[in-house]
Amino acid sequence: MIHRLYVAISPAPLLLFVLFLRYTGRLEGWGAWAAGPLALPVIGLSVAVGIYGIHLAVRAPNVRWRTILTAAAILAGSVAIWVAVQGLVRIF
């Protein structure tokens, strides 16, 4: 039951981040810069849901569910992964 619910909820951080990007894309000048902190809860949600998905995948009852939950965890954590990669690219 919890596995199916997690798989259904796992795209939520990515969808929220896409909505955030669409919202900030419409802002002009300093508006997009000022709306930047609104992304922090979405990134935090992505980290939390991604880590929980890895936890579920490790404790999965069989290989099929382990594969599905791993893919869902990567999908859920994709926002946090993207932000981390963008930060590293800007540093180097």
Protein backbone atom coordinates (compact mmCIF):
# COMPACT_ATOMS: atom_id res chain seq x y z
CA MET A 1 0.00 0.00 0.00
CA ILE A 2 2.67 2.51 1.00
CA HIS A 3 4.72 1.59 -2.07
CA ARG A 4 1.88 2.41 -4.44
CA LEU A 5 1.15 5.65 -2.62
CA TYR A 6 4.81 6.67 -2.80
CA VAL A 7 4.98 5.94 -6.54
CA ALA A 8 1.86 8.07 -7.06
CA ILE A 9 3.25 11.00 -5.03
CA SER A 10 6.87 10.87 -6.29
CA PRO A 11 6.35 13.24 -9.29
CA ALA A 12 4.98 16.00 -7.00
CA PRO A 13 8.31 17.80 -6.30
CA LEU A 14 9.15 17.91 -10.00
CA LEU A 15 5.70 19.22 -10.92
CA LEU A 16 5.87 21.87 -8.20
CA PHE A 17 9.30 22.96 -9.43
CA VAL A 18 8.03 23.25 -13.00
CA LEU A 19 5.14 25.40 -11.75
CA PHE A 20 7.64 27.54 -9.82
CA LEU A 21 9.80 28.01 -12.93
CA ARG A 22 6.75 29.01 -14.97
CA TYR A 23 5.74 31.51 -12.29
CA THR A 24 9.18 33.10 -12.02
CA GLY A 25 9.55 33.13 -15.81
CA ARG A 26 6.67 35.59 -16.03
CA LEU A 27 8.21 38.02 -13.55
CA GLU A 28 10.32 40.92 -14.73
CA GLY A 29 13.40 42.55 -13.29
CA TRP A 30 13.94 42.01 -9.59
CA GLY A 31 10.70 40.05 -9.23
CA ALA A 32 12.26 36.73 -10.22
CA TRP A 33 15.18 37.35 -7.89
CA ALA A 34 12.86 38.20 -5.00
CA ALA A 35 10.75 35.07 -5.64
CA GLY A 36 13.84 32.84 -5.45
CA PRO A 37 13.37 31.81 -1.78
CA LEU A 38 10.01 30.31 -2.75
CA ALA A 39 11.96 27.43 -4.33
CA LEU A 40 13.48 26.34 -1.01
CA PRO A 41 10.43 24.37 0.24
CA VAL A 42 10.19 22.58 -3.11
CA ILE A 43 13.88 21.64 -2.95
CA GLY A 44 13.49 20.48 0.65
CA LEU A 45 10.46 18.40 -0.32
CA SER A 46 12.46 16.86 -3.14
CA VAL A 47 15.28 15.89 -0.78
CA ALA A 48 12.91 14.46 1.83
CA VAL A 49 10.78 12.45 -0.60
CA GLY A 50 13.87 11.21 -2.46
CA ILE A 51 15.56 9.99 0.72
CA TYR A 52 12.35 8.32 1.87
CA GLY A 53 12.11 6.58 -1.51
CA ILE A 54 15.63 5.23 -1.13
CA HIS A 55 14.65 3.97 2.32
CA LEU A 56 11.61 2.21 0.86
CA ALA A 57 13.66 0.76 -1.99
CA VAL A 58 16.21 -0.74 0.40
CA ARG A 59 13.44 -2.39 2.40
CA ALA A 60 11.45 -3.52 -0.68
CA PRO A 61 10.11 -7.08 -0.59
CA ASN A 62 11.30 -8.07 -4.07
CA VAL A 63 13.42 -6.91 -7.00
CA ARG A 64 10.45 -5.60 -8.98
CA TRP A 65 9.41 -3.17 -6.23
CA ARG A 66 13.03 -2.24 -5.57
CA THR A 67 13.43 -1.18 -9.19
CA ILE A 68 10.15 0.75 -9.27
CA LEU A 69 10.88 2.52 -5.97
CA THR A 70 14.42 3.39 -7.05
CA ALA A 71 13.11 4.99 -10.24
CA ALA A 72 10.44 6.86 -8.25
CA ALA A 73 13.08 8.06 -5.75
CA ILE A 74 15.25 9.38 -8.58
CA LEU A 75 12.21 11.14 -10.04
CA ALA A 76 11.30 12.63 -6.66
CA GLY A 77 14.87 13.71 -5.95
CA SER A 78 15.50 15.04 -9.44
CA VAL A 79 14.92 18.65 -8.37
CA ALA A 80 17.51 18.41 -5.59
CA ILE A 81 19.93 16.63 -7.93
CA TRP A 82 19.44 19.31 -10.61
CA VAL A 83 19.98 22.15 -8.13
CA ALA A 84 23.14 20.50 -6.79
CA VAL A 85 24.55 19.98 -10.29
CA GLN A 86 23.74 23.58 -11.26
CA GLY A 87 25.52 24.79 -8.12
CA LEU A 88 28.61 22.75 -8.94
CA VAL A 89 28.61 23.97 -12.53
CA ARG A 90 28.51 27.59 -11.35
CA ILE A 91 31.36 26.99 -8.89
CA PHE A 92 33.66 25.36 -11.42
